[in-house]
PDB file of N, CA and C in Angstrom:
ATOM      1  N   MET A   1      86.769  -1.246  77.115  1.00  0.00           N
ATOM      2  CA  MET A   1      85.604  -1.272  78.002  1.00  0.00           C
ATOM      3  C   MET A   1      85.028  -2.698  78.081  1.00  0.00           C
ATOM      4  N   PHE A   2      84.989  -3.429  76.956  1.00  0.00           N
ATOM      5  CA  PHE A   2      84.435  -4.771  76.955  1.00  0.00           C
ATOM      6  C   PHE A   2      85.271  -5.652  77.938  1.00  0.00           C
ATOM      7  N   ILE A   3      86.562  -5.513  77.944  1.00  0.00           N
ATOM      8  CA  ILE A   3      87.422  -6.349  78.797  1.00  0.00           C
ATOM      9  C   ILE A   3      87.099  -6.074  80.248  1.00  0.00           C
ATOM     10  N   ALA A   4      86.907  -4.818  80.604  1.00  0.00           N
ATOM     11  CA  ALA A   4      86.638  -4.494  81.983  1.00  0.00           C
ATOM     12  C   ALA A   4      85.271  -5.102  82.466  1.00  0.00           C
ATOM     13  N   VAL A   5      84.286  -4.995  81.620  1.00  0.00           N
ATOM     14  CA  VAL A   5      82.981  -5.542  81.915  1.00  0.00           C
ATOM     15  C   VAL A   5      83.064  -7.014  81.971  1.00  0.00           C
ATOM     16  N   ALA A   6      83.752  -7.644  81.048  1.00  0.00           N
ATOM     17  CA  ALA A   6      83.870  -9.139  81.013  1.00  0.00           C
ATOM     18  C   ALA A   6      84.629  -9.628  82.241  1.00  0.00           C
ATOM     19  N   ALA A   7      85.672  -8.899  82.674  1.00  0.00           N
ATOM     20  CA  ALA A   7      86.389  -9.313  83.858  1.00  0.00           C
ATOM     21  C   ALA A   7      85.549  -9.247  85.068  1.00  0.00           C
ATOM     22  N   PHE A   8      84.687  -8.243  85.168  1.00  0.00           N
ATOM     23  CA  PHE A   8      83.699  -8.124  86.295  1.00  0.00           C
ATOM     24  C   PHE A   8      82.708  -9.233  86.264  1.00  0.00           C
ATOM     25  N   LEU A   9      82.108  -9.467  85.073  1.00  0.00           N
ATOM     26  CA  LEU A   9      81.048 -10.443  84.958  1.00  0.00           C
ATOM     27  C   LEU A   9      81.508 -11.854  85.158  1.00  0.00           C
ATOM     28  N   VAL A  10      82.654 -12.192  84.767  1.00  0.00           N
ATOM     29  CA  VAL A  10      83.135 -13.592  84.794  1.00  0.00           C
ATOM     30  C   VAL A  10      83.260 -14.047  86.295  1.00  0.00           C
ATOM     31  N   GLN A  11      83.493 -13.140  87.207  1.00  0.00           N
ATOM     32  CA  GLN A  11      83.579 -13.482  88.601  1.00  0.00           C
ATOM     33  C   GLN A  11      82.207 -13.948  89.125  1.00  0.00           C
ATOM     34  N   HIS A  12      81.157 -13.436  88.549  1.00  0.00           N
ATOM     35  CA  HIS A  12      79.794 -13.760  89.015  1.00  0.00           C
ATOM     36  C   HIS A  12      79.111 -14.854  88.192  1.00  0.00           C
ATOM     37  N   THR A  13      79.442 -14.955  86.964  1.00  0.00           N
ATOM     38  CA  THR A  13      78.724 -15.882  86.092  1.00  0.00           C
ATOM     39  C   THR A  13      79.531 -17.107  85.710  1.00  0.00           C
ATOM     40  N   GLY A  14      80.816 -17.024  85.685  1.00  0.00           N
ATOM     41  CA  GLY A  14      81.698 -18.052  85.199  1.00  0.00           C
ATOM     42  C   GLY A  14      82.016 -17.922  83.731  1.00  0.00           C
ATOM     43  N   VAL A  15      82.995 -18.587  83.304  1.00  0.00           N
ATOM     44  CA  VAL A  15      83.487 -18.444  81.898  1.00  0.00           C
ATOM     45  C   VAL A  15      82.479 -19.026  80.920  1.00  0.00           C
ATOM     46  N   LEU A  16      81.874 -20.177  81.211  1.00  0.00           N
ATOM     47  CA  LEU A  16      80.933 -20.762  80.266  1.00  0.00           C
ATOM     48  C   LEU A  16      79.754 -19.870  80.022  1.00  0.00           C
ATOM     49  N   ILE A  17      79.129 -19.364  81.070  1.00  0.00           N
ATOM     50  CA  ILE A  17      77.932 -18.500  80.923  1.00  0.00           C
ATOM     51  C   ILE A  17      78.316 -17.233  80.217  1.00  0.00           C
ATOM     52  N   LEU A  18      79.447 -16.646  80.571  1.00  0.00           N
ATOM     53  CA  LEU A  18      79.904 -15.411  79.889  1.00  0.00           C
ATOM     54  C   LEU A  18      80.121 -15.664  78.424  1.00  0.00           C
ATOM     55  N   GLY A  19      80.783 -16.736  78.066  1.00  0.00           N
ATOM     56  CA  GLY A  19      80.993 -17.065  76.636  1.00  0.00           C
ATOM     57  C   GLY A  19      79.763 -17.281  75.871  1.00  0.00           C
ATOM     58  N   LEU A  20      78.839 -18.073  76.445  1.00  0.00           N
ATOM     59  CA  LEU A  20      77.569 -18.355  75.785  1.00  0.00           C
ATOM     60  C   LEU A  20      76.693 -17.115  75.691  1.00  0.00           C
ATOM     61  N   GLY A  21      76.733 -16.285  76.737  1.00  0.00           N
ATOM     62  CA  GLY A  21      75.974 -15.038  76.721  1.00  0.00           C
ATOM     63  C   GLY A  21      76.475 -14.037  75.657  1.00  0.00           C
ATOM     64  N   THR A  22      77.816 -14.032  75.514  1.00  0.00           N
ATOM     65  CA  THR A  22      78.427 -13.177  74.475  1.00  0.00           C
ATOM     66  C   THR A  22      77.990 -13.646  73.092  1.00  0.00           C
ATOM     67  N   VAL A  23      78.030 -14.908  72.820  1.00  0.00           N
ATOM     68  CA  VAL A  23      77.653 -15.462  71.526  1.00  0.00           C
ATOM     69  C   VAL A  23      76.094 -15.200  71.287  1.00  0.00           C
ATOM     70  N   ALA A  24      75.297 -15.450  72.366  1.00  0.00           N
ATOM     71  CA  ALA A  24      73.829 -15.164  72.229  1.00  0.00           C
ATOM     72  C   ALA A  24      73.578 -13.727  71.894  1.00  0.00           C
ATOM     73  N   GLY A  25      74.300 -12.824  72.541  1.00  0.00           N
ATOM     74  CA  GLY A  25      74.098 -11.381  72.301  1.00  0.00           C
ATOM     75  C   GLY A  25      74.524 -11.023  70.864  1.00  0.00           C
ATOM     76  N   GLN A  26      75.636 -11.584  70.366  1.00  0.00           N
ATOM     77  CA  GLN A  26      76.068 -11.302  69.046  1.00  0.00           C
ATOM     78  C   GLN A  26      75.057 -11.863  68.025  1.00  0.00           C
ATOM     79  N   THR A  27      74.521 -13.020  68.217  1.00  0.00           N
ATOM     80  CA  THR A  27      73.539 -13.591  67.291  1.00  0.00           C
ATOM     81  C   THR A  27      72.237 -12.749  67.263  1.00  0.00           C
ATOM     82  N   LEU A  28      71.870 -12.314  68.471  1.00  0.00           N
ATOM     83  CA  LEU A  28      70.659 -11.453  68.563  1.00  0.00           C
ATOM     84  C   LEU A  28      70.891 -10.160  67.824  1.00  0.00           C
ATOM     85  N   SER A  29      72.101  -9.581  67.973  1.00  0.00           N
ATOM     86  CA  SER A  29      72.344  -8.361  67.228  1.00  0.00           C
ATOM     87  C   SER A  29      72.387  -8.576  65.733  1.00  0.00           C
ATOM     88  N   ALA A  30      72.917  -9.693  65.306  1.00  0.00           N
ATOM     89  CA  ALA A  30      72.867  -9.997  63.853  1.00  0.00           C
ATOM     90  C   ALA A  30      71.479 -10.154  63.373  1.00  0.00           C
ATOM     91  N   LEU A  31      70.649 -10.796  64.131  1.00  0.00           N
ATOM     92  CA  LEU A  31      69.233 -11.013  63.777  1.00  0.00           C
ATOM     93  C   LEU A  31      68.552  -9.603  63.638  1.00  0.00           C
ATOM     94  N   ALA A  32      68.766  -8.741  64.644  1.00  0.00           N
ATOM     95  CA  ALA A  32      68.171  -7.430  64.598  1.00  0.00           C
ATOM     96  C   ALA A  32      68.655  -6.615  63.416  1.00  0.00           C
ATOM     97  N   LEU A  33      69.917  -6.702  63.063  1.00  0.00           N
ATOM     98  CA  LEU A  33      70.440  -6.029  61.866  1.00  0.00           C
ATOM     99  C   LEU A  33      69.799  -6.603  60.585  1.00  0.00           C
ATOM    100  N   ASP A  34      69.616  -7.935  60.541  1.00  0.00           N
ATOM    101  CA  ASP A  34      68.976  -8.523  59.362  1.00  0.00           C
ATOM    102  C   ASP A  34      67.558  -8.052  59.210  1.00  0.00           C
ATOM    103  N   VAL A  35      66.860  -7.846  60.340  1.00  0.00           N
ATOM    104  CA  VAL A  35      65.471  -7.429  60.293  1.00  0.00           C
ATOM    105  C   VAL A  35      65.402  -5.941  59.983  1.00  0.00           C
ATOM    106  N   LEU A  36      66.208  -5.144  60.597  1.00  0.00           N
ATOM    107  CA  LEU A  36      66.132  -3.669  60.442  1.00  0.00           C
ATOM    108  C   LEU A  36      66.823  -3.118  59.215  1.00  0.00           C
ATOM    109  N   LEU A  37      67.920  -3.766  58.789  1.00  0.00           N
ATOM    110  CA  LEU A  37      68.689  -3.269  57.643  1.00  0.00           C
ATOM    111  C   LEU A  37      68.976  -4.414  56.719  1.00  0.00           C
ATOM    112  N   PRO A  38      68.017  -4.964  56.058  1.00  0.00           N
ATOM    113  CA  PRO A  38      68.230  -6.121  55.166  1.00  0.00           C
ATOM    114  C   PRO A  38      69.170  -5.759  53.996  1.00  0.00           C
ATOM    115  N   THR A  39      70.046  -6.680  53.604  1.00  0.00           N
ATOM    116  CA  THR A  39      70.941  -6.435  52.494  1.00  0.00           C
ATOM    117  C   THR A  39      70.521  -7.070  51.211  1.00  0.00           C
ATOM    118  N   ASP A  40      69.526  -8.012  51.290  1.00  0.00           N
ATOM    119  CA  ASP A  40      69.065  -8.601  50.039  1.00  0.00           C
ATOM    120  C   ASP A  40      67.520  -8.773  50.146  1.00  0.00           C
ATOM    121  N   ASP A  41      66.936  -9.304  49.134  1.00  0.00           N
ATOM    122  CA  ASP A  41      65.464  -9.431  49.144  1.00  0.00           C
ATOM    123  C   ASP A  41      65.026 -10.730  49.755  1.00  0.00           C
ATOM    124  N   GLY A  42      65.921 -11.518  50.240  1.00  0.00           N
ATOM    125  CA  GLY A  42      65.560 -12.834  50.806  1.00  0.00           C
ATOM    126  C   GLY A  42      64.983 -12.765  52.206  1.00  0.00           C
ATOM    127  N   GLY A  43      65.148 -11.648  52.853  1.00  0.00           N
ATOM    128  CA  GLY A  43      64.662 -11.527  54.218  1.00  0.00           C
ATOM    129  C   GLY A  43      65.546 -12.293  55.216  1.00  0.00           C
ATOM    130  N   VAL A  44      64.978 -12.533  56.393  1.00  0.00           N
ATOM    131  CA  VAL A  44      65.731 -13.238  57.437  1.00  0.00           C
ATOM    132  C   VAL A  44      65.641 -14.726  57.201  1.00  0.00           C
ATOM    133  N   HIS A  45      66.779 -15.370  57.219  1.00  0.00           N
ATOM    134  CA  HIS A  45      66.860 -16.809  56.987  1.00  0.00           C
ATOM    135  C   HIS A  45      66.467 -17.572  58.291  1.00  0.00           C
ATOM    136  N   VAL A  46      65.801 -18.717  58.043  1.00  0.00           N
ATOM    137  CA  VAL A  46      65.356 -19.562  59.177  1.00  0.00           C
ATOM    138  C   VAL A  46      66.522 -19.938  59.997  1.00  0.00           C
ATOM    139  N   ALA A  47      67.684 -20.234  59.370  1.00  0.00           N
ATOM    140  CA  ALA A  47      68.850 -20.651  60.139  1.00  0.00           C
ATOM    141  C   ALA A  47      69.348 -19.579  61.111  1.00  0.00           C
ATOM    142  N   THR A  48      69.170 -18.346  60.770  1.00  0.00           N
ATOM    143  CA  THR A  48      69.579 -17.246  61.623  1.00  0.00           C
ATOM    144  C   THR A  48      68.682 -17.224  62.872  1.00  0.00           C
ATOM    145  N   VAL A  49      67.341 -17.378  62.704  1.00  0.00           N
ATOM    146  CA  VAL A  49      66.439 -17.380  63.838  1.00  0.00           C
ATOM    147  C   VAL A  49      66.686 -18.611  64.747  1.00  0.00           C
ATOM    148  N   VAL A  50      66.864 -19.770  64.078  1.00  0.00           N
ATOM    149  CA  VAL A  50      67.056 -21.026  64.866  1.00  0.00           C
ATOM    150  C   VAL A  50      68.391 -20.971  65.650  1.00  0.00           C
ATOM    151  N   GLY A  51      69.418 -20.427  64.978  1.00  0.00           N
ATOM    152  CA  GLY A  51      70.725 -20.278  65.634  1.00  0.00           C
ATOM    153  C   GLY A  51      70.633 -19.393  66.904  1.00  0.00           C
ATOM    154  N   THR A  52      69.876 -18.249  66.723  1.00  0.00           N
ATOM    155  CA  THR A  52      69.727 -17.344  67.849  1.00  0.00           C
ATOM    156  C   THR A  52      68.970 -17.999  69.001  1.00  0.00           C
ATOM    157  N   LEU A  53      67.923 -18.729  68.663  1.00  0.00           N
ATOM    158  CA  LEU A  53      67.139 -19.422  69.722  1.00  0.00           C
ATOM    159  C   LEU A  53      67.978 -20.490  70.374  1.00  0.00           C
ATOM    160  N   LEU A  54      68.753 -21.229  69.616  1.00  0.00           N
ATOM    161  CA  LEU A  54      69.640 -22.258  70.218  1.00  0.00           C
ATOM    162  C   LEU A  54      70.698 -21.611  71.171  1.00  0.00           C
ATOM    163  N   ALA A  55      71.232 -20.455  70.746  1.00  0.00           N
ATOM    164  CA  ALA A  55      72.177 -19.810  71.612  1.00  0.00           C
ATOM    165  C   ALA A  55      71.561 -19.424  72.956  1.00  0.00           C
ATOM    166  N   PHE A  56      70.357 -18.913  72.900  1.00  0.00           N
ATOM    167  CA  PHE A  56      69.680 -18.549  74.162  1.00  0.00           C
ATOM    168  C   PHE A  56      69.251 -19.747  74.957  1.00  0.00           C
ATOM    169  N   ALA A  57      68.934 -20.835  74.283  1.00  0.00           N
ATOM    170  CA  ALA A  57      68.603 -22.080  74.991  1.00  0.00           C
ATOM    171  C   ALA A  57      69.857 -22.625  75.730  1.00  0.00           C
ATOM    172  N   ALA A  58      70.994 -22.488  75.011  1.00  0.00           N
ATOM    173  CA  ALA A  58      72.250 -22.933  75.663  1.00  0.00           C
ATOM    174  C   ALA A  58      72.551 -22.097  76.913  1.00  0.00           C
ATOM    175  N   VAL A  59      72.297 -20.822  76.855  1.00  0.00           N
ATOM    176  CA  VAL A  59      72.521 -19.994  78.050  1.00  0.00           C
ATOM    177  C   VAL A  59      71.594 -20.452  79.171  1.00  0.00           C
ATOM    178  N   ALA A  60      70.353 -20.679  78.842  1.00  0.00           N
ATOM    179  CA  ALA A  60      69.359 -21.103  79.861  1.00  0.00           C
ATOM    180  C   ALA A  60      69.719 -22.462  80.442  1.00  0.00           C
ATOM    181  N   ILE A  61      70.116 -23.370  79.630  1.00  0.00           N
ATOM    182  CA  ILE A  61      70.488 -24.712  80.195  1.00  0.00           C
ATOM    183  C   ILE A  61      71.754 -24.620  80.999  1.00  0.00           C
ATOM    184  N   ALA A  62      72.758 -23.915  80.549  1.00  0.00           N
ATOM    185  CA  ALA A  62      73.983 -23.793  81.287  1.00  0.00           C
ATOM    186  C   ALA A  62      73.829 -23.020  82.606  1.00  0.00           C
ATOM    187  N   SER A  63      72.898 -22.114  82.694  1.00  0.00           N
ATOM    188  CA  SER A  63      72.722 -21.346  83.915  1.00  0.00           C
ATOM    189  C   SER A  63      71.712 -21.930  84.843  1.00  0.00           C
ATOM    190  N   ALA A  64      71.069 -23.025  84.448  1.00  0.00           N
ATOM    191  CA  ALA A  64      70.026 -23.671  85.312  1.00  0.00           C
ATOM    192  C   ALA A  64      70.737 -24.366  86.461  1.00  0.00           C
ATOM    193  N   ARG A  65      70.124 -24.322  87.576  1.00  0.00           N
ATOM    194  CA  ARG A  65      70.699 -24.964  88.781  1.00  0.00           C
ATOM    195  C   ARG A  65      69.888 -26.257  88.990  1.00  0.00           C
ATOM    196  N   PHE A  66      70.624 -27.408  88.811  1.00  0.00           N
ATOM    197  CA  PHE A  66      69.986 -28.655  88.951  1.00  0.00           C
ATOM    198  C   PHE A  66      70.332 -29.248  90.379  1.00  0.00           C
ATOM    199  N   ARG A  67      69.317 -29.786  90.966  1.00  0.00           N
ATOM    200  CA  ARG A  67      69.548 -30.422  92.297  1.00  0.00           C
ATOM    201  C   ARG A  67      69.996 -31.851  92.065  1.00  0.00           C
ATOM    202  N   ARG A  68      70.928 -32.267  92.903  1.00  0.00           N
ATOM    203  CA  ARG A  68      71.417 -33.656  92.837  1.00  0.00           C
ATOM    204  C   ARG A  68      70.508 -34.499  93.690  1.00  0.00           C
ATOM    205  N   ARG A  69      70.244 -35.671  93.150  1.00  0.00           N
ATOM    206  CA  ARG A  69      69.479 -36.655  93.926  1.00  0.00           C
ATOM    207  C   ARG A  69      70.440 -37.328  94.902  1.00  0.00           C
ATOM    208  N   PRO A  70      69.963 -37.629  96.091  1.00  0.00           N
ATOM    209  CA  PRO A  70      70.819 -38.349  97.023  1.00  0.00           C
ATOM    210  C   PRO A  70      71.095 -39.739  96.544  1.00  0.00           C
ATOM    211  N   THR A  71      72.327 -40.186  96.631  1.00  0.00           N
ATOM    212  CA  THR A  71      72.737 -41.492  96.194  1.00  0.00           C
ATOM    213  C   THR A  71      72.379 -42.490  97.339  1.00  0.00           C
ATOM    214  N   ALA A  72      72.359 -43.782  96.971  1.00  0.00           N
ATOM    215  CA  ALA A  72      72.039 -44.791  97.975  1.00  0.00           C
ATOM    216  C   ALA A  72      73.075 -44.824  99.078  1.00  0.00           C
ATOM    217  N   SER A  73      74.354 -44.609  98.790  1.00  0.00           N
ATOM    218  CA  SER A  73      75.349 -44.671  99.804  1.00  0.00           C
ATOM    219  C   SER A  73      75.336 -43.462 100.746  1.00  0.00           C
ATOM    220  N   SER A  74      74.918 -42.292 100.256  1.00  0.00           N
ATOM    221  CA  SER A  74      74.862 -41.117 101.131  1.00  0.00           C
ATOM    222  C   SER A  74      73.600 -41.066 101.958  1.00  0.00           C
ATOM    223  N   SER A  75      72.535 -41.705 101.514  1.00  0.00           N
ATOM    224  CA  SER A  75      71.342 -41.719 102.332  1.00  0.00           C
ATOM    225  C   SER A  75      71.384 -42.768 103.480  1.00  0.00           C
ATOM    226  N   ALA A  76      72.317 -43.716 103.391  1.00  0.00           N
ATOM    227  CA  ALA A  76      72.427 -44.738 104.438  1.00  0.00           C
ATOM    228  C   ALA A  76      73.155 -44.235 105.623  1.00  0.00           C
ATOM    229  N   ASP A  77      73.846 -43.084 105.509  1.00  0.00           N
ATOM    230  CA  ASP A  77      74.622 -42.586 106.638  1.00  0.00           C
ATOM    231  C   ASP A  77      73.774 -42.068 107.746  1.00  0.00           C
TER     232      ASP A  77
END
């Protein structure tokens, strides 16, 4: 099922966004499991939270649409 969904999504998002989104989703799931079903008394580690936030920041940056500035040679035409 995952392969079918990924094959559909990659046509619309591209390989980079799909890969980053997959990693972001996995890290969010790991964070949720750490919060809901802790395995030790240490609680959630800061590195886990920071890693999850960085993964979502990477998705946001990669999916942002940046406008190109006109270059000097193209504006002279």
